[in-house]
Amino acid sequence: MTFFEVKRLPAQQVLPGIELRSVNLENVMMTFVEYAAGSEVPTHEHRHEQITYVLEGTLEVTVGDERRLLSAGEGVRIPPYTEHGSRPVQGPAKALDAWSPVPHRLKVEAPSSRGDEVPAEGEGPT
């Protein structure tokens, strides 16, 4: 099945206060990230291209030597091997990340990560 519902995807705490849900195909992945107030993704780099889009709240995002506050509706493109990190400010935040190639270490494994638990229209539980 190709359809999914974010709230039905399995969640995994990847860092203190950082919860992740993921969905992927062979060459692309999206992760749905929930930041608790006071949490942080420390500065790091990786071989993957990453695009981050803020869904709710405000994130302070550092890419290389540049630091910006991003609010809902704003995003950032992060090239491979570029140092970056993020943290929510003024409370919790939610973001959507797109990745290529797929970072297998961020896959949250379960059948529903492919959308298998989302019933087709009219096929819900009785």
PDB file of N, CA and C in Angstrom:
ATOM      1  N   MET A   1       0.851  -1.183   0.000  1.00  0.00           N
ATOM      2  CA  MET A   1       0.000   0.000   0.000  1.00  0.00           C
ATOM      3  C   MET A   1       0.896   1.245   0.000  1.00  0.00           C
ATOM      4  N   THR A   2       0.448   2.306  -0.601  1.00  0.00           N
ATOM      5  CA  THR A   2       1.263   3.500  -0.754  1.00  0.00           C
ATOM      6  C   THR A   2       0.850   4.657   0.143  1.00  0.00           C
ATOM      7  N   PHE A   3      -0.260   4.546   0.838  1.00  0.00           N
ATOM      8  CA  PHE A   3      -0.760   5.655   1.644  1.00  0.00           C
ATOM      9  C   PHE A   3      -0.339   5.505   3.097  1.00  0.00           C
ATOM     10  N   PHE A   4      -0.187   6.629   3.779  1.00  0.00           N
ATOM     11  CA  PHE A   4       0.161   6.588   5.200  1.00  0.00           C
ATOM     12  C   PHE A   4      -0.484   7.758   5.913  1.00  0.00           C
ATOM     13  N   GLU A   5      -0.564   7.640   7.235  1.00  0.00           N
ATOM     14  CA  GLU A   5      -1.053   8.696   8.100  1.00  0.00           C
ATOM     15  C   GLU A   5       0.015   8.894   9.175  1.00  0.00           C
ATOM     16  N   VAL A   6       0.522  10.088   9.312  1.00  0.00           N
ATOM     17  CA  VAL A   6       1.663  10.344  10.191  1.00  0.00           C
ATOM     18  C   VAL A   6       1.418   9.836  11.603  1.00  0.00           C
ATOM     19  N   LYS A   7       0.254  10.100  12.168  1.00  0.00           N
ATOM     20  CA  LYS A   7       0.011   9.701  13.556  1.00  0.00           C
ATOM     21  C   LYS A   7       0.010   8.186  13.739  1.00  0.00           C
ATOM     22  N   ARG A   8      -0.121   7.424  12.664  1.00  0.00           N
ATOM     23  CA  ARG A   8      -0.088   5.962  12.745  1.00  0.00           C
ATOM     24  C   ARG A   8       1.309   5.387  12.523  1.00  0.00           C
ATOM     25  N   LEU A   9       2.258   6.205  12.095  1.00  0.00           N
ATOM     26  CA  LEU A   9       3.618   5.718  11.916  1.00  0.00           C
ATOM     27  C   LEU A   9       4.254   5.488  13.278  1.00  0.00           C
ATOM     28  N   PRO A  10       5.067   4.443  13.425  1.00  0.00           N
ATOM     29  CA  PRO A  10       5.729   4.221  14.716  1.00  0.00           C
ATOM     30  C   PRO A  10       6.707   5.346  15.016  1.00  0.00           C
ATOM     31  N   ALA A  11       6.819   5.680  16.290  1.00  0.00           N
ATOM     32  CA  ALA A  11       7.714   6.760  16.723  1.00  0.00           C
ATOM     33  C   ALA A  11       8.900   6.181  17.478  1.00  0.00           C
ATOM     34  N   GLN A  12      10.010   6.891  17.397  1.00  0.00           N
ATOM     35  CA  GLN A  12      11.224   6.493  18.108  1.00  0.00           C
ATOM     36  C   GLN A  12      11.901   7.738  18.661  1.00  0.00           C
ATOM     37  N   GLN A  13      12.321   7.685  19.917  1.00  0.00           N
ATOM     38  CA  GLN A  13      13.094   8.789  20.485  1.00  0.00           C
ATOM     39  C   GLN A  13      14.538   8.603  20.033  1.00  0.00           C
ATOM     40  N   VAL A  14      15.038   9.555  19.236  1.00  0.00           N
ATOM     41  CA  VAL A  14      16.388   9.431  18.689  1.00  0.00           C
ATOM     42  C   VAL A  14      17.416  10.203  19.516  1.00  0.00           C
ATOM     43  N   LEU A  15      16.964  11.190  20.241  1.00  0.00           N
ATOM     44  CA  LEU A  15      17.767  11.969  21.182  1.00  0.00           C
ATOM     45  C   LEU A  15      16.816  12.378  22.310  1.00  0.00           C
ATOM     46  N   PRO A  16      17.336  12.779  23.463  1.00  0.00           N
ATOM     47  CA  PRO A  16      16.430  13.220  24.525  1.00  0.00           C
ATOM     48  C   PRO A  16      15.504  14.344  24.035  1.00  0.00           C
ATOM     49  N   GLY A  17      14.197  14.111  24.110  1.00  0.00           N
ATOM     50  CA  GLY A  17      13.219  15.114  23.706  1.00  0.00           C
ATOM     51  C   GLY A  17      12.988  15.226  22.212  1.00  0.00           C
ATOM     52  N   ILE A  18      13.617  14.357  21.417  1.00  0.00           N
ATOM     53  CA  ILE A  18      13.457  14.392  19.952  1.00  0.00           C
ATOM     54  C   ILE A  18      12.818  13.080  19.516  1.00  0.00           C
ATOM     55  N   GLU A  19      11.571  13.172  19.016  1.00  0.00           N
ATOM     56  CA  GLU A  19      10.848  11.988  18.560  1.00  0.00           C
ATOM     57  C   GLU A  19      10.712  12.023  17.050  1.00  0.00           C
ATOM     58  N   LEU A  20      10.910  10.876  16.421  1.00  0.00           N
ATOM     59  CA  LEU A  20      10.968  10.795  14.964  1.00  0.00           C
ATOM     60  C   LEU A  20      10.019   9.727  14.447  1.00  0.00           C
ATOM     61  N   ARG A  21       9.359  10.039  13.349  1.00  0.00           N
ATOM     62  CA  ARG A  21       8.577   9.067  12.579  1.00  0.00           C
ATOM     63  C   ARG A  21       9.103   9.154  11.154  1.00  0.00           C
ATOM     64  N   SER A  22       9.136   8.045  10.442  1.00  0.00           N
ATOM     65  CA  SER A  22       9.696   8.093   9.093  1.00  0.00           C
ATOM     66  C   SER A  22       8.859   7.298   8.109  1.00  0.00           C
ATOM     67  N   VAL A  23       8.983   7.686   6.855  1.00  0.00           N
ATOM     68  CA  VAL A  23       8.387   6.966   5.735  1.00  0.00           C
ATOM     69  C   VAL A  23       9.374   7.095   4.579  1.00  0.00           C
ATOM     70  N   ASN A  24       9.531   6.012   3.811  1.00  0.00           N
ATOM     71  CA  ASN A  24      10.536   6.071   2.758  1.00  0.00           C
ATOM     72  C   ASN A  24      10.188   5.189   1.570  1.00  0.00           C
ATOM     73  N   LEU A  25      10.850   5.495   0.484  1.00  0.00           N
ATOM     74  CA  LEU A  25      10.914   4.640  -0.690  1.00  0.00           C
ATOM     75  C   LEU A  25      12.377   4.213  -0.806  1.00  0.00           C
ATOM     76  N   GLU A  26      12.766   3.689  -1.938  1.00  0.00           N
ATOM     77  CA  GLU A  26      14.143   3.215  -2.066  1.00  0.00           C
ATOM     78  C   GLU A  26      15.165   4.351  -2.032  1.00  0.00           C
ATOM     79  N   ASN A  27      14.853   5.503  -2.617  1.00  0.00           N
ATOM     80  CA  ASN A  27      15.843   6.571  -2.768  1.00  0.00           C
ATOM     81  C   ASN A  27      15.526   7.873  -2.058  1.00  0.00           C
ATOM     82  N   VAL A  28      14.416   7.935  -1.344  1.00  0.00           N
ATOM     83  CA  VAL A  28      14.044   9.173  -0.666  1.00  0.00           C
ATOM     84  C   VAL A  28      13.324   8.833   0.641  1.00  0.00           C
ATOM     85  N   MET A  29      13.496   9.698   1.637  1.00  0.00           N
ATOM     86  CA  MET A  29      12.866   9.503   2.934  1.00  0.00           C
ATOM     87  C   MET A  29      12.337  10.836   3.436  1.00  0.00           C
ATOM     88  N   MET A  30      11.230  10.762   4.185  1.00  0.00           N
ATOM     89  CA  MET A  30      10.740  11.909   4.935  1.00  0.00           C
ATOM     90  C   MET A  30      10.697  11.504   6.395  1.00  0.00           C
ATOM     91  N   THR A  31      11.132  12.419   7.255  1.00  0.00           N
ATOM     92  CA  THR A  31      11.009  12.192   8.685  1.00  0.00           C
ATOM     93  C   THR A  31      10.175  13.323   9.273  1.00  0.00           C
ATOM     94  N   PHE A  32       9.327  12.958  10.211  1.00  0.00           N
ATOM     95  CA  PHE A  32       8.479  13.895  10.916  1.00  0.00           C
ATOM     96  C   PHE A  32       9.059  13.996  12.320  1.00  0.00           C
ATOM     97  N   VAL A  33       9.553  15.164  12.682  1.00  0.00           N
ATOM     98  CA  VAL A  33      10.324  15.337  13.910  1.00  0.00           C
ATOM     99  C   VAL A  33       9.539  16.201  14.889  1.00  0.00           C
ATOM    100  N   GLU A  34       9.426  15.717  16.121  1.00  0.00           N
ATOM    101  CA  GLU A  34       8.809  16.487  17.198  1.00  0.00           C
ATOM    102  C   GLU A  34       9.894  16.827  18.206  1.00  0.00           C
ATOM    103  N   TYR A  35      10.073  18.117  18.444  1.00  0.00           N
ATOM    104  CA  TYR A  35      11.060  18.632  19.395  1.00  0.00           C
ATOM    105  C   TYR A  35      10.334  19.028  20.678  1.00  0.00           C
ATOM    106  N   ALA A  36      10.703  18.449  21.799  1.00  0.00           N
ATOM    107  CA  ALA A  36      10.181  18.905  23.086  1.00  0.00           C
ATOM    108  C   ALA A  36      10.895  20.210  23.449  1.00  0.00           C
ATOM    109  N   ALA A  37      10.245  21.029  24.238  1.00  0.00           N
ATOM    110  CA  ALA A  37      10.885  22.260  24.715  1.00  0.00           C
ATOM    111  C   ALA A  37      12.199  21.892  25.405  1.00  0.00           C
ATOM    112  N   GLY A  38      13.258  22.628  25.104  1.00  0.00           N
ATOM    113  CA  GLY A  38      14.557  22.403  25.725  1.00  0.00           C
ATOM    114  C   GLY A  38      15.399  21.326  25.076  1.00  0.00           C
ATOM    115  N   SER A  39      14.903  20.660  24.046  1.00  0.00           N
ATOM    116  CA  SER A  39      15.680  19.612  23.371  1.00  0.00           C
ATOM    117  C   SER A  39      16.635  20.233  22.349  1.00  0.00           C
ATOM    118  N   GLU A  40      17.499  19.398  21.791  1.00  0.00           N
ATOM    119  CA  GLU A  40      18.476  19.910  20.826  1.00  0.00           C
ATOM    120  C   GLU A  40      19.009  18.773  19.960  1.00  0.00           C
ATOM    121  N   VAL A  41      19.180  19.067  18.678  1.00  0.00           N
ATOM    122  CA  VAL A  41      19.941  18.198  17.783  1.00  0.00           C
ATOM    123  C   VAL A  41      21.305  18.861  17.663  1.00  0.00           C
ATOM    124  N   PRO A  42      22.340  18.270  18.291  1.00  0.00           N
ATOM    125  CA  PRO A  42      23.658  18.905  18.294  1.00  0.00           C
ATOM    126  C   PRO A  42      24.241  19.028  16.877  1.00  0.00           C
ATOM    127  N   THR A  43      25.186  19.915  16.727  1.00  0.00           N
ATOM    128  CA  THR A  43      25.851  20.114  15.445  1.00  0.00           C
ATOM    129  C   THR A  43      26.474  18.800  14.974  1.00  0.00           C
ATOM    130  N   HIS A  44      26.221  18.465  13.717  1.00  0.00           N
ATOM    131  CA  HIS A  44      26.725  17.236  13.122  1.00  0.00           C
ATOM    132  C   HIS A  44      26.765  17.418  11.608  1.00  0.00           C
ATOM    133  N   GLU A  45      27.281  16.423  10.911  1.00  0.00           N
ATOM    134  CA  GLU A  45      27.246  16.418   9.449  1.00  0.00           C
ATOM    135  C   GLU A  45      27.058  14.986   8.982  1.00  0.00           C
ATOM    136  N   HIS A  46      26.616  14.826   7.738  1.00  0.00           N
ATOM    137  CA  HIS A  46      26.403  13.504   7.157  1.00  0.00           C
ATOM    138  C   HIS A  46      26.437  13.620   5.643  1.00  0.00           C
ATOM    139  N   ARG A  47      26.435  12.497   4.984  1.00  0.00           N
ATOM    140  CA  ARG A  47      26.550  12.461   3.520  1.00  0.00           C
ATOM    141  C   ARG A  47      25.240  12.738   2.794  1.00  0.00           C
ATOM    142  N   HIS A  48      24.157  12.857   3.529  1.00  0.00           N
ATOM    143  CA  HIS A  48      22.837  13.000   2.925  1.00  0.00           C
ATOM    144  C   HIS A  48      22.481  14.450   2.643  1.00  0.00           C
ATOM    145  N   GLU A  49      21.754  14.666   1.541  1.00  0.00           N
ATOM    146  CA  GLU A  49      21.112  15.956   1.322  1.00  0.00           C
ATOM    147  C   GLU A  49      19.897  15.998   2.241  1.00  0.00           C
ATOM    148  N   GLN A  50      19.626  17.167   2.817  1.00  0.00           N
ATOM    149  CA  GLN A  50      18.509  17.289   3.753  1.00  0.00           C
ATOM    150  C   GLN A  50      17.803  18.616   3.522  1.00  0.00           C
ATOM    151  N   ILE A  51      16.493  18.563   3.514  1.00  0.00           N
ATOM    152  CA  ILE A  51      15.679  19.774   3.480  1.00  0.00           C
ATOM    153  C   ILE A  51      14.784  19.715   4.713  1.00  0.00           C
ATOM    154  N   THR A  52      14.812  20.767   5.518  1.00  0.00           N
ATOM    155  CA  THR A  52      13.994  20.835   6.723  1.00  0.00           C
ATOM    156  C   THR A  52      12.959  21.929   6.553  1.00  0.00           C
ATOM    157  N   TYR A  53      11.715  21.604   6.881  1.00  0.00           N
ATOM    158  CA  TYR A  53      10.595  22.530   6.778  1.00  0.00           C
ATOM    159  C   TYR A  53       9.888  22.555   8.132  1.00  0.00           C
ATOM    160  N   VAL A  54       9.746  23.715   8.726  1.00  0.00           N
ATOM    161  CA  VAL A  54       9.125  23.835  10.046  1.00  0.00           C
ATOM    162  C   VAL A  54       7.605  23.815   9.895  1.00  0.00           C
ATOM    163  N   LEU A  55       6.981  22.910  10.630  1.00  0.00           N
ATOM    164  CA  LEU A  55       5.521  22.761  10.601  1.00  0.00           C
ATOM    165  C   LEU A  55       4.834  23.563  11.702  1.00  0.00           C
ATOM    166  N   GLU A  56       5.428  23.538  12.909  1.00  0.00           N
ATOM    167  CA  GLU A  56       4.856  24.238  14.071  1.00  0.00           C
ATOM    168  C   GLU A  56       5.979  24.761  14.939  1.00  0.00           C
ATOM    169  N   GLY A  57       5.740  25.869  15.606  1.00  0.00           N
ATOM    170  CA  GLY A  57       6.724  26.430  16.521  1.00  0.00           C
ATOM    171  C   GLY A  57       7.847  27.153  15.796  1.00  0.00           C
ATOM    172  N   THR A  58       8.955  27.333  16.512  1.00  0.00           N
ATOM    173  CA  THR A  58      10.127  28.024  15.974  1.00  0.00           C
ATOM    174  C   THR A  58      11.364  27.203  16.273  1.00  0.00           C
ATOM    175  N   LEU A  59      12.219  27.042  15.267  1.00  0.00           N
ATOM    176  CA  LEU A  59      13.494  26.348  15.432  1.00  0.00           C
ATOM    177  C   LEU A  59      14.638  27.316  15.209  1.00  0.00           C
ATOM    178  N   GLU A  60      15.645  27.231  16.055  1.00  0.00           N
ATOM    179  CA  GLU A  60      16.909  27.900  15.778  1.00  0.00           C
ATOM    180  C   GLU A  60      17.759  26.881  15.042  1.00  0.00           C
ATOM    181  N   VAL A  61      18.124  27.206  13.808  1.00  0.00           N
ATOM    182  CA  VAL A  61      18.871  26.283  12.959  1.00  0.00           C
ATOM    183  C   VAL A  61      20.214  26.911  12.616  1.00  0.00           C
ATOM    184  N   THR A  62      21.263  26.118  12.792  1.00  0.00           N
ATOM    185  CA  THR A  62      22.611  26.546  12.428  1.00  0.00           C
ATOM    186  C   THR A  62      23.077  25.681  11.265  1.00  0.00           C
ATOM    187  N   VAL A  63      23.529  26.331  10.203  1.00  0.00           N
ATOM    188  CA  VAL A  63      24.107  25.638   9.054  1.00  0.00           C
ATOM    189  C   VAL A  63      25.432  26.319   8.764  1.00  0.00           C
ATOM    190  N   GLY A  64      26.536  25.572   8.938  1.00  0.00           N
ATOM    191  CA  GLY A  64      27.854  26.178   8.812  1.00  0.00           C
ATOM    192  C   GLY A  64      28.010  27.265   9.854  1.00  0.00           C
ATOM    193  N   ASP A  65      28.357  28.474   9.428  1.00  0.00           N
ATOM    194  CA  ASP A  65      28.533  29.608  10.340  1.00  0.00           C
ATOM    195  C   ASP A  65      27.285  30.479  10.461  1.00  0.00           C
ATOM    196  N   GLU A  66      26.207  30.090   9.801  1.00  0.00           N
ATOM    197  CA  GLU A  66      24.998  30.910   9.783  1.00  0.00           C
ATOM    198  C   GLU A  66      23.937  30.331  10.720  1.00  0.00           C
ATOM    199  N   ARG A  67      23.301  31.200  11.501  1.00  0.00           N
ATOM    200  CA  ARG A  67      22.260  30.795  12.437  1.00  0.00           C
ATOM    201  C   ARG A  67      21.004  31.612  12.141  1.00  0.00           C
ATOM    202  N   ARG A  68      19.851  30.934  12.066  1.00  0.00           N
ATOM    203  CA  ARG A  68      18.586  31.615  11.791  1.00  0.00           C
ATOM    204  C   ARG A  68      17.475  31.040  12.650  1.00  0.00           C
ATOM    205  N   LEU A  69      16.469  31.865  12.913  1.00  0.00           N
ATOM    206  CA  LEU A  69      15.233  31.397  13.523  1.00  0.00           C
ATOM    207  C   LEU A  69      14.241  31.127  12.396  1.00  0.00           C
ATOM    208  N   LEU A  70      13.710  29.907  12.361  1.00  0.00           N
ATOM    209  CA  LEU A  70      12.745  29.526  11.340  1.00  0.00           C
ATOM    210  C   LEU A  70      11.408  29.239  12.017  1.00  0.00           C
ATOM    211  N   SER A  71      10.357  29.859  11.505  1.00  0.00           N
ATOM    212  CA  SER A  71       9.005  29.653  12.016  1.00  0.00           C
ATOM    213  C   SER A  71       8.228  28.758  11.066  1.00  0.00           C
ATOM    214  N   ALA A  72       7.027  28.372  11.477  1.00  0.00           N
ATOM    215  CA  ALA A  72       6.181  27.534  10.632  1.00  0.00           C
ATOM    216  C   ALA A  72       6.067  28.134   9.238  1.00  0.00           C
ATOM    217  N   GLY A  73       6.266  27.297   8.230  1.00  0.00           N
ATOM    218  CA  GLY A  73       6.211  27.746   6.846  1.00  0.00           C
ATOM    219  C   GLY A  73       7.565  28.083   6.261  1.00  0.00           C
ATOM    220  N   GLU A  74       8.624  28.031   7.068  1.00  0.00           N
ATOM    221  CA  GLU A  74       9.975  28.343   6.593  1.00  0.00           C
ATOM    222  C   GLU A  74      10.833  27.084   6.622  1.00  0.00           C
ATOM    223  N   GLY A  75      11.885  27.070   5.802  1.00  0.00           N
ATOM    224  CA  GLY A  75      12.734  25.893   5.730  1.00  0.00           C
ATOM    225  C   GLY A  75      14.169  26.226   5.392  1.00  0.00           C
ATOM    226  N   VAL A  76      14.960  25.165   5.270  1.00  0.00           N
ATOM    227  CA  VAL A  76      16.384  25.304   4.985  1.00  0.00           C
ATOM    228  C   VAL A  76      16.843  24.100   4.165  1.00  0.00           C
ATOM    229  N   ARG A  77      17.762  24.344   3.232  1.00  0.00           N
ATOM    230  CA  ARG A  77      18.395  23.286   2.448  1.00  0.00           C
ATOM    231  C   ARG A  77      19.788  23.053   3.011  1.00  0.00           C
ATOM    232  N   ILE A  78      20.116  21.803   3.294  1.00  0.00           N
ATOM    233  CA  ILE A  78      21.405  21.471   3.905  1.00  0.00           C
ATOM    234  C   ILE A  78      22.152  20.512   2.970  1.00  0.00           C
ATOM    235  N   PRO A  79      23.239  20.979   2.338  1.00  0.00           N
ATOM    236  CA  PRO A  79      24.008  20.114   1.443  1.00  0.00           C
ATOM    237  C   PRO A  79      24.746  19.015   2.223  1.00  0.00           C
ATOM    238  N   PRO A  80      25.189  17.967   1.540  1.00  0.00           N
ATOM    239  CA  PRO A  80      25.959  16.911   2.194  1.00  0.00           C
ATOM    240  C   PRO A  80      27.222  17.463   2.855  1.00  0.00           C
ATOM    241  N   TYR A  81      27.628  16.819   3.936  1.00  0.00           N
ATOM    242  CA  TYR A  81      28.870  17.131   4.661  1.00  0.00           C
ATOM    243  C   TYR A  81      28.945  18.579   5.139  1.00  0.00           C
ATOM    244  N   THR A  82      27.794  19.172   5.454  1.00  0.00           N
ATOM    245  CA  THR A  82      27.736  20.528   5.983  1.00  0.00           C
ATOM    246  C   THR A  82      27.316  20.461   7.439  1.00  0.00           C
ATOM    247  N   GLU A  83      28.109  21.046   8.337  1.00  0.00           N
ATOM    248  CA  GLU A  83      27.747  21.029   9.755  1.00  0.00           C
ATOM    249  C   GLU A  83      26.444  21.793   9.974  1.00  0.00           C
ATOM    250  N   HIS A  84      25.566  21.194  10.794  1.00  0.00           N
ATOM    251  CA  HIS A  84      24.275  21.824  11.095  1.00  0.00           C
ATOM    252  C   HIS A  84      23.710  21.248  12.386  1.00  0.00           C
ATOM    253  N   GLY A  85      22.805  21.993  12.992  1.00  0.00           N
ATOM    254  CA  GLY A  85      22.130  21.567  14.209  1.00  0.00           C
ATOM    255  C   GLY A  85      20.874  22.395  14.388  1.00  0.00           C
ATOM    256  N   SER A  86      20.023  21.995  15.344  1.00  0.00           N
ATOM    257  CA  SER A  86      18.774  22.726  15.547  1.00  0.00           C
ATOM    258  C   SER A  86      18.271  22.530  16.967  1.00  0.00           C
ATOM    259  N   ARG A  87      17.433  23.495  17.377  1.00  0.00           N
ATOM    260  CA  ARG A  87      16.778  23.403  18.681  1.00  0.00           C
ATOM    261  C   ARG A  87      15.527  24.267  18.646  1.00  0.00           C
ATOM    262  N   PRO A  88      14.501  23.845  19.375  1.00  0.00           N
ATOM    263  CA  PRO A  88      13.294  24.673  19.422  1.00  0.00           C
ATOM    264  C   PRO A  88      13.507  25.852  20.361  1.00  0.00           C
ATOM    265  N   VAL A  89      12.857  26.957  20.059  1.00  0.00           N
ATOM    266  CA  VAL A  89      12.870  28.116  20.956  1.00  0.00           C
ATOM    267  C   VAL A  89      11.426  28.452  21.299  1.00  0.00           C
ATOM    268  N   GLN A  90      11.203  28.945  22.485  1.00  0.00           N
ATOM    269  CA  GLN A  90       9.862  29.330  22.951  1.00  0.00           C
ATOM    270  C   GLN A  90       8.882  28.162  22.921  1.00  0.00           C
ATOM    271  N   GLY A  91       9.314  26.993  23.377  1.00  0.00           N
ATOM    272  CA  GLY A  91       8.417  25.844  23.464  1.00  0.00           C
ATOM    273  C   GLY A  91       8.735  24.766  22.457  1.00  0.00           C
ATOM    274  N   PRO A  92       7.838  23.792  22.320  1.00  0.00           N
ATOM    275  CA  PRO A  92       8.071  22.681  21.401  1.00  0.00           C
ATOM    276  C   PRO A  92       7.941  23.110  19.943  1.00  0.00           C
ATOM    277  N   ALA A  93       8.369  22.220  19.040  1.00  0.00           N
ATOM    278  CA  ALA A  93       8.275  22.498  17.604  1.00  0.00           C
ATOM    279  C   ALA A  93       8.129  21.184  16.853  1.00  0.00           C
ATOM    280  N   LYS A  94       7.645  21.284  15.620  1.00  0.00           N
ATOM    281  CA  LYS A  94       7.549  20.134  14.725  1.00  0.00           C
ATOM    282  C   LYS A  94       8.135  20.525  13.380  1.00  0.00           C
ATOM    283  N   ALA A  95       8.834  19.555  12.758  1.00  0.00           N
ATOM    284  CA  ALA A  95       9.435  19.802  11.454  1.00  0.00           C
ATOM    285  C   ALA A  95       9.315  18.566  10.581  1.00  0.00           C
ATOM    286  N   LEU A  96       9.423  18.781   9.302  1.00  0.00           N
ATOM    287  CA  LEU A  96       9.446  17.729   8.295  1.00  0.00           C
ATOM    288  C   LEU A  96      10.808  17.784   7.624  1.00  0.00           C
ATOM    289  N   ASP A  97      11.490  16.644   7.561  1.00  0.00           N
ATOM    290  CA  ASP A  97      12.783  16.571   6.871  1.00  0.00           C
ATOM    291  C   ASP A  97      12.636  15.671   5.651  1.00  0.00           C
ATOM    292  N   ALA A  98      13.240  16.067   4.547  1.00  0.00           N
ATOM    293  CA  ALA A  98      13.329  15.230   3.349  1.00  0.00           C
ATOM    294  C   ALA A  98      14.794  14.860   3.167  1.00  0.00           C
ATOM    295  N   TRP A  99      15.057  13.618   2.770  1.00  0.00           N
ATOM    296  CA  TRP A  99      16.423  13.086   2.715  1.00  0.00           C
ATOM    297  C   TRP A  99      16.676  12.336   1.412  1.00  0.00           C
ATOM    298  N   SER A 100      17.904  12.477   0.921  1.00  0.00           N
ATOM    299  CA  SER A 100      18.388  11.652  -0.179  1.00  0.00           C
ATOM    300  C   SER A 100      19.903  11.595  -0.090  1.00  0.00           C
ATOM    301  N   PRO A 101      20.502  10.419  -0.216  1.00  0.00           N
ATOM    302  CA  PRO A 101      19.847   9.117  -0.198  1.00  0.00           C
ATOM    303  C   PRO A 101      19.236   8.836   1.170  1.00  0.00           C
ATOM    304  N   VAL A 102      18.532   7.724   1.277  1.00  0.00           N
ATOM    305  CA  VAL A 102      17.855   7.359   2.520  1.00  0.00           C
ATOM    306  C   VAL A 102      18.872   7.116   3.628  1.00  0.00           C
ATOM    307  N   PRO A 103      18.761   7.833   4.755  1.00  0.00           N
ATOM    308  CA  PRO A 103      19.631   7.558   5.906  1.00  0.00           C
ATOM    309  C   PRO A 103      19.064   6.382   6.710  1.00  0.00           C
ATOM    310  N   HIS A 104      19.536   5.200   6.438  1.00  0.00           N
ATOM    311  CA  HIS A 104      18.970   3.984   7.031  1.00  0.00           C
ATOM    312  C   HIS A 104      18.962   4.017   8.556  1.00  0.00           C
ATOM    313  N   ARG A 105      19.885   4.746   9.161  1.00  0.00           N
ATOM    314  CA  ARG A 105      19.927   4.823  10.627  1.00  0.00           C
ATOM    315  C   ARG A 105      18.706   5.542  11.194  1.00  0.00           C
ATOM    316  N   LEU A 106      17.986   6.295  10.375  1.00  0.00           N
ATOM    317  CA  LEU A 106      16.794   7.010  10.845  1.00  0.00           C
ATOM    318  C   LEU A 106      15.490   6.300  10.506  1.00  0.00           C
ATOM    319  N   LYS A 107      15.574   5.151   9.859  1.00  0.00           N
ATOM    320  CA  LYS A 107      14.352   4.402   9.557  1.00  0.00           C
ATOM    321  C   LYS A 107      13.745   3.910  10.863  1.00  0.00           C
ATOM    322  N   VAL A 108      12.475   4.179  11.046  1.00  0.00           N
ATOM    323  CA  VAL A 108      11.751   3.647  12.191  1.00  0.00           C
ATOM    324  C   VAL A 108      11.023   2.422  11.656  1.00  0.00           C
ATOM    325  N   GLU A 109      11.558   1.257  11.991  1.00  0.00           N
ATOM    326  CA  GLU A 109      11.082   0.011  11.383  1.00  0.00           C
ATOM    327  C   GLU A 109       9.768  -0.477  11.976  1.00  0.00           C
ATOM    328  N   ALA A 110       8.857  -0.741  11.111  1.00  0.00           N
ATOM    329  CA  ALA A 110       7.579  -1.382  11.418  1.00  0.00           C
ATOM    330  C   ALA A 110       6.819  -1.443  10.109  1.00  0.00           C
ATOM    331  N   PRO A 111       5.926  -2.387   9.942  1.00  0.00           N
ATOM    332  CA  PRO A 111       5.182  -2.448   8.684  1.00  0.00           C
ATOM    333  C   PRO A 111       4.494  -1.135   8.339  1.00  0.00           C
ATOM    334  N   SER A 112       4.010  -0.390   9.376  1.00  0.00           N
ATOM    335  CA  SER A 112       3.275   0.843   9.091  1.00  0.00           C
ATOM    336  C   SER A 112       4.169   1.956   8.575  1.00  0.00           C
ATOM    337  N   SER A 113       5.512   1.797   8.637  1.00  0.00           N
ATOM    338  CA  SER A 113       6.378   2.839   8.090  1.00  0.00           C
ATOM    339  C   SER A 113       6.227   2.913   6.576  1.00  0.00           C
ATOM    340  N   ARG A 114       5.615   1.880   5.992  1.00  0.00           N
ATOM    341  CA  ARG A 114       5.300   1.916   4.568  1.00  0.00           C
ATOM    342  C   ARG A 114       3.833   2.274   4.358  1.00  0.00           C
ATOM    343  N   GLY A 115       3.099   2.501   5.454  1.00  0.00           N
ATOM    344  CA  GLY A 115       1.703   2.881   5.339  1.00  0.00           C
ATOM    345  C   GLY A 115       0.744   1.710   5.418  1.00  0.00           C
ATOM    346  N   ASP A 116       1.220   0.513   5.781  1.00  0.00           N
ATOM    347  CA  ASP A 116       0.395  -0.677   5.738  1.00  0.00           C
ATOM    348  C   ASP A 116      -0.808  -0.635   6.673  1.00  0.00           C
ATOM    349  N   GLU A 117      -0.801   0.187   7.703  1.00  0.00           N
ATOM    350  CA  GLU A 117      -1.902   0.190   8.666  1.00  0.00           C
ATOM    351  C   GLU A 117      -3.011   1.169   8.318  1.00  0.00           C
ATOM    352  N   VAL A 118      -2.852   1.950   7.291  1.00  0.00           N
ATOM    353  CA  VAL A 118      -3.878   2.932   6.945  1.00  0.00           C
ATOM    354  C   VAL A 118      -4.922   2.244   6.074  1.00  0.00           C
ATOM    355  N   PRO A 119      -6.156   2.108   6.564  1.00  0.00           N
ATOM    356  CA  PRO A 119      -7.179   1.426   5.768  1.00  0.00           C
ATOM    357  C   PRO A 119      -7.600   2.272   4.578  1.00  0.00           C
ATOM    358  N   ALA A 120      -7.944   1.595   3.498  1.00  0.00           N
ATOM    359  CA  ALA A 120      -8.507   2.293   2.344  1.00  0.00           C
ATOM    360  C   ALA A 120      -9.864   2.836   2.731  1.00  0.00           C
ATOM    361  N   GLU A 121     -10.323   3.827   2.014  1.00  0.00           N
ATOM    362  CA  GLU A 121     -11.610   4.436   2.328  1.00  0.00           C
ATOM    363  C   GLU A 121     -12.690   3.372   2.380  1.00  0.00           C
ATOM    364  N   GLY A 122     -13.462   3.367   3.460  1.00  0.00           N
ATOM    365  CA  GLY A 122     -14.526   2.384   3.631  1.00  0.00           C
ATOM    366  C   GLY A 122     -14.074   1.057   4.206  1.00  0.00           C
ATOM    367  N   GLU A 123     -12.769   0.908   4.495  1.00  0.00           N
ATOM    368  CA  GLU A 123     -12.253  -0.353   5.014  1.00  0.00           C
ATOM    369  C   GLU A 123     -11.822  -0.248   6.470  1.00  0.00           C
ATOM    370  N   GLY A 124     -12.333   0.721   7.201  1.00  0.00           N
ATOM    371  CA  GLY A 124     -11.960   0.890   8.610  1.00  0.00           C
ATOM    372  C   GLY A 124     -12.490  -0.252   9.453  1.00  0.00           C
ATOM    373  N   PRO A 125     -12.063  -0.308  10.740  1.00  0.00           N
ATOM    374  CA  PRO A 125     -12.543  -1.372  11.623  1.00  0.00           C
ATOM    375  C   PRO A 125     -14.051  -1.255  11.839  1.00  0.00           C
ATOM    376  N   THR A 126     -14.671  -2.390  12.064  1.00  0.00           N
ATOM    377  CA  THR A 126     -16.126  -2.395  12.264  1.00  0.00           C
ATOM    378  C   THR A 126     -16.482  -2.356  13.732  1.00  0.00           C
TER     379      THR A 126
END
